Amino acid sequence: MRPYLITAKPGRLNRAARWVGRWALRLLALLVMAVLGAVVLTVRCARPVTNYAATRAAWLELWAASITGIGPVGAAVGSGLTDEFVREFHKARTSAPV
């Protein structure tokens, strides 16, 4: 048998480095998932505050429109966007697999 055909088993250092690398990658993936989960939780928790601020802004714009006589431009644009979001939400909700 020729010596170049014999393959050596990976050494202890090589196996340990692979093991550490594998676990480091798993830890990194876990960290990324935890950060994304925290971001999603923060956005979901801030949703009522955002809705309240949007409602107050709409009322403020209507008040300013009544004082100045200029039409509520933001409300017209916002209602179109809201209708589009509702349409997309219902489309996704009804066509989602169960």
C-alpha atoms as a PDB file:
ATOM      1  CA  MET A   1       0.000   0.000   0.000  1.00  0.00           C
ATOM      2  CA  ARG A   2       1.299   3.411  -0.932  1.00  0.00           C
ATOM      3  CA  PRO A   3       1.663   5.928   1.910  1.00  0.00           C
ATOM      4  CA  TYR A   4      -0.306   8.643   0.117  1.00  0.00           C
ATOM      5  CA  LEU A   5      -3.424   6.415   0.096  1.00  0.00           C
ATOM      6  CA  ILE A   6      -3.516   6.111   3.863  1.00  0.00           C
ATOM      7  CA  THR A   7      -5.603   8.872   5.427  1.00  0.00           C
ATOM      8  CA  ALA A   8      -5.044   9.901   8.977  1.00  0.00           C
ATOM      9  CA  LYS A   9      -7.849  10.569  11.442  1.00  0.00           C
ATOM     10  CA  PRO A  10      -8.220  14.219  12.393  1.00  0.00           C
ATOM     11  CA  GLY A  11      -6.215  15.060  15.480  1.00  0.00           C
ATOM     12  CA  ARG A  12      -7.675  16.035  18.830  1.00  0.00           C
ATOM     13  CA  LEU A  13      -7.033  19.715  18.183  1.00  0.00           C
ATOM     14  CA  ASN A  14      -8.794  19.559  14.836  1.00  0.00           C
ATOM     15  CA  ARG A  15     -11.813  17.753  16.317  1.00  0.00           C
ATOM     16  CA  ALA A  16     -11.956  20.161  19.257  1.00  0.00           C
ATOM     17  CA  ALA A  17     -11.790  23.157  16.917  1.00  0.00           C
ATOM     18  CA  ARG A  18     -14.658  21.750  14.842  1.00  0.00           C
ATOM     19  CA  TRP A  19     -16.725  21.117  17.960  1.00  0.00           C
ATOM     20  CA  VAL A  20     -16.111  24.648  19.243  1.00  0.00           C
ATOM     21  CA  GLY A  21     -16.913  26.096  15.816  1.00  0.00           C
ATOM     22  CA  ARG A  22     -20.151  24.152  15.583  1.00  0.00           C
ATOM     23  CA  TRP A  23     -21.306  25.305  19.010  1.00  0.00           C
ATOM     24  CA  ALA A  24     -20.225  28.884  18.321  1.00  0.00           C
ATOM     25  CA  LEU A  25     -22.377  28.874  15.183  1.00  0.00           C
ATOM     26  CA  ARG A  26     -25.331  27.464  17.124  1.00  0.00           C
ATOM     27  CA  LEU A  27     -24.897  30.127  19.806  1.00  0.00           C
ATOM     28  CA  LEU A  28     -24.713  32.847  17.154  1.00  0.00           C
ATOM     29  CA  ALA A  29     -27.929  31.558  15.563  1.00  0.00           C
ATOM     30  CA  LEU A  30     -29.625  31.513  18.967  1.00  0.00           C
ATOM     31  CA  LEU A  31     -28.469  35.069  19.640  1.00  0.00           C
ATOM     32  CA  VAL A  32     -29.794  36.277  16.285  1.00  0.00           C
ATOM     33  CA  MET A  33     -33.163  34.624  16.952  1.00  0.00           C
ATOM     34  CA  ALA A  34     -33.332  36.169  20.430  1.00  0.00           C
ATOM     35  CA  VAL A  35     -32.559  39.641  19.078  1.00  0.00           C
ATOM     36  CA  LEU A  36     -35.174  39.286  16.339  1.00  0.00           C
ATOM     37  CA  GLY A  37     -37.694  38.083  18.916  1.00  0.00           C
ATOM     38  CA  ALA A  38     -36.969  41.105  21.104  1.00  0.00           C
ATOM     39  CA  VAL A  39     -37.435  43.446  18.143  1.00  0.00           C
ATOM     40  CA  VAL A  40     -40.753  41.819  17.198  1.00  0.00           C
ATOM     41  CA  LEU A  41     -41.959  41.967  20.808  1.00  0.00           C
ATOM     42  CA  THR A  42     -41.011  45.646  21.056  1.00  0.00           C
ATOM     43  CA  VAL A  43     -42.830  46.500  17.833  1.00  0.00           C
ATOM     44  CA  ARG A  44     -45.928  44.592  18.927  1.00  0.00           C
ATOM     45  CA  CYS A  45     -45.930  46.227  22.349  1.00  0.00           C
ATOM     46  CA  ALA A  46     -45.527  49.687  20.802  1.00  0.00           C
ATOM     47  CA  ARG A  47     -48.487  49.167  18.483  1.00  0.00           C
ATOM     48  CA  PRO A  48     -51.166  50.599  20.844  1.00  0.00           C
ATOM     49  CA  VAL A  49     -49.002  53.656  21.469  1.00  0.00           C
ATOM     50  CA  THR A  50     -48.540  54.127  17.723  1.00  0.00           C
ATOM     51  CA  ASN A  51     -52.281  53.775  17.136  1.00  0.00           C
ATOM     52  CA  TYR A  52     -53.034  56.345  19.845  1.00  0.00           C
ATOM     53  CA  ALA A  53     -50.457  58.775  18.432  1.00  0.00           C
ATOM     54  CA  ALA A  54     -51.876  58.343  14.924  1.00  0.00           C
ATOM     55  CA  THR A  55     -55.408  58.993  16.180  1.00  0.00           C
ATOM     56  CA  ARG A  56     -54.295  62.115  18.029  1.00  0.00           C
ATOM     57  CA  ALA A  57     -52.375  63.318  14.958  1.00  0.00           C
ATOM     58  CA  ALA A  58     -55.456  62.837  12.784  1.00  0.00           C
ATOM     59  CA  TRP A  59     -57.596  64.818  15.227  1.00  0.00           C
ATOM     60  CA  LEU A  60     -54.968  67.542  15.362  1.00  0.00           C
ATOM     61  CA  GLU A  61     -54.876  67.723  11.585  1.00  0.00           C
ATOM     62  CA  LEU A  62     -58.672  67.971  11.393  1.00  0.00           C
ATOM     63  CA  TRP A  63     -58.624  70.739  13.989  1.00  0.00           C
ATOM     64  CA  ALA A  64     -55.906  72.597  12.052  1.00  0.00           C
ATOM     65  CA  ALA A  65     -57.858  72.106   8.811  1.00  0.00           C
ATOM     66  CA  SER A  66     -60.973  73.607  10.402  1.00  0.00           C
ATOM     67  CA  ILE A  67     -58.998  76.615  11.670  1.00  0.00           C
ATOM     68  CA  THR A  68     -56.975  77.305   8.503  1.00  0.00           C
ATOM     69  CA  GLY A  69     -59.530  76.240   5.901  1.00  0.00           C
ATOM     70  CA  ILE A  70     -56.988  73.975   4.158  1.00  0.00           C
ATOM     71  CA  GLY A  71     -58.254  70.461   3.506  1.00  0.00           C
ATOM     72  CA  PRO A  72     -56.937  67.518   5.560  1.00  0.00           C
ATOM     73  CA  VAL A  73     -54.404  66.129   3.072  1.00  0.00           C
ATOM     74  CA  GLY A  74     -52.878  63.596   5.472  1.00  0.00           C
ATOM     75  CA  ALA A  75     -56.245  62.108   6.331  1.00  0.00           C
ATOM     76  CA  ALA A  76     -57.049  61.559   2.646  1.00  0.00           C
ATOM     77  CA  VAL A  77     -53.696  59.902   1.995  1.00  0.00           C
ATOM     78  CA  GLY A  78     -53.854  57.962   5.265  1.00  0.00           C
ATOM     79  CA  SER A  79     -57.303  56.547   4.586  1.00  0.00           C
ATOM     80  CA  GLY A  80     -56.131  55.201   1.221  1.00  0.00           C
ATOM     81  CA  LEU A  81     -53.127  53.573   2.865  1.00  0.00           C
ATOM     82  CA  THR A  82     -55.315  52.134   5.608  1.00  0.00           C
ATOM     83  CA  ASP A  83     -57.711  50.656   3.063  1.00  0.00           C
ATOM     84  CA  GLU A  84     -54.800  49.069   1.209  1.00  0.00           C
ATOM     85  CA  PHE A  85     -53.346  47.589   4.418  1.00  0.00           C
ATOM     86  CA  VAL A  86     -56.747  46.179   5.409  1.00  0.00           C
ATOM     87  CA  ARG A  87     -57.199  44.660   1.952  1.00  0.00           C
ATOM     88  CA  GLU A  88     -53.732  43.022   2.107  1.00  0.00           C
ATOM     89  CA  PHE A  89     -54.340  41.776   5.648  1.00  0.00           C
ATOM     90  CA  HIS A  90     -57.661  40.147   4.735  1.00  0.00           C
ATOM     91  CA  LYS A  91     -56.149  38.648   1.580  1.00  0.00           C
ATOM     92  CA  ALA A  92     -53.297  37.134   3.604  1.00  0.00           C
ATOM     93  CA  ARG A  93     -55.673  35.954   6.314  1.00  0.00           C
ATOM     94  CA  THR A  94     -58.117  34.239   3.978  1.00  0.00           C
ATOM     95  CA  SER A  95     -55.518  32.656   1.684  1.00  0.00           C
ATOM     96  CA  ALA A  96     -53.171  31.423   4.414  1.00  0.00           C
ATOM     97  CA  PRO A  97     -52.824  27.628   4.685  1.00  0.00           C
ATOM     98  CA  VAL A  98     -54.357  26.133   7.812  1.00  0.00           C
END
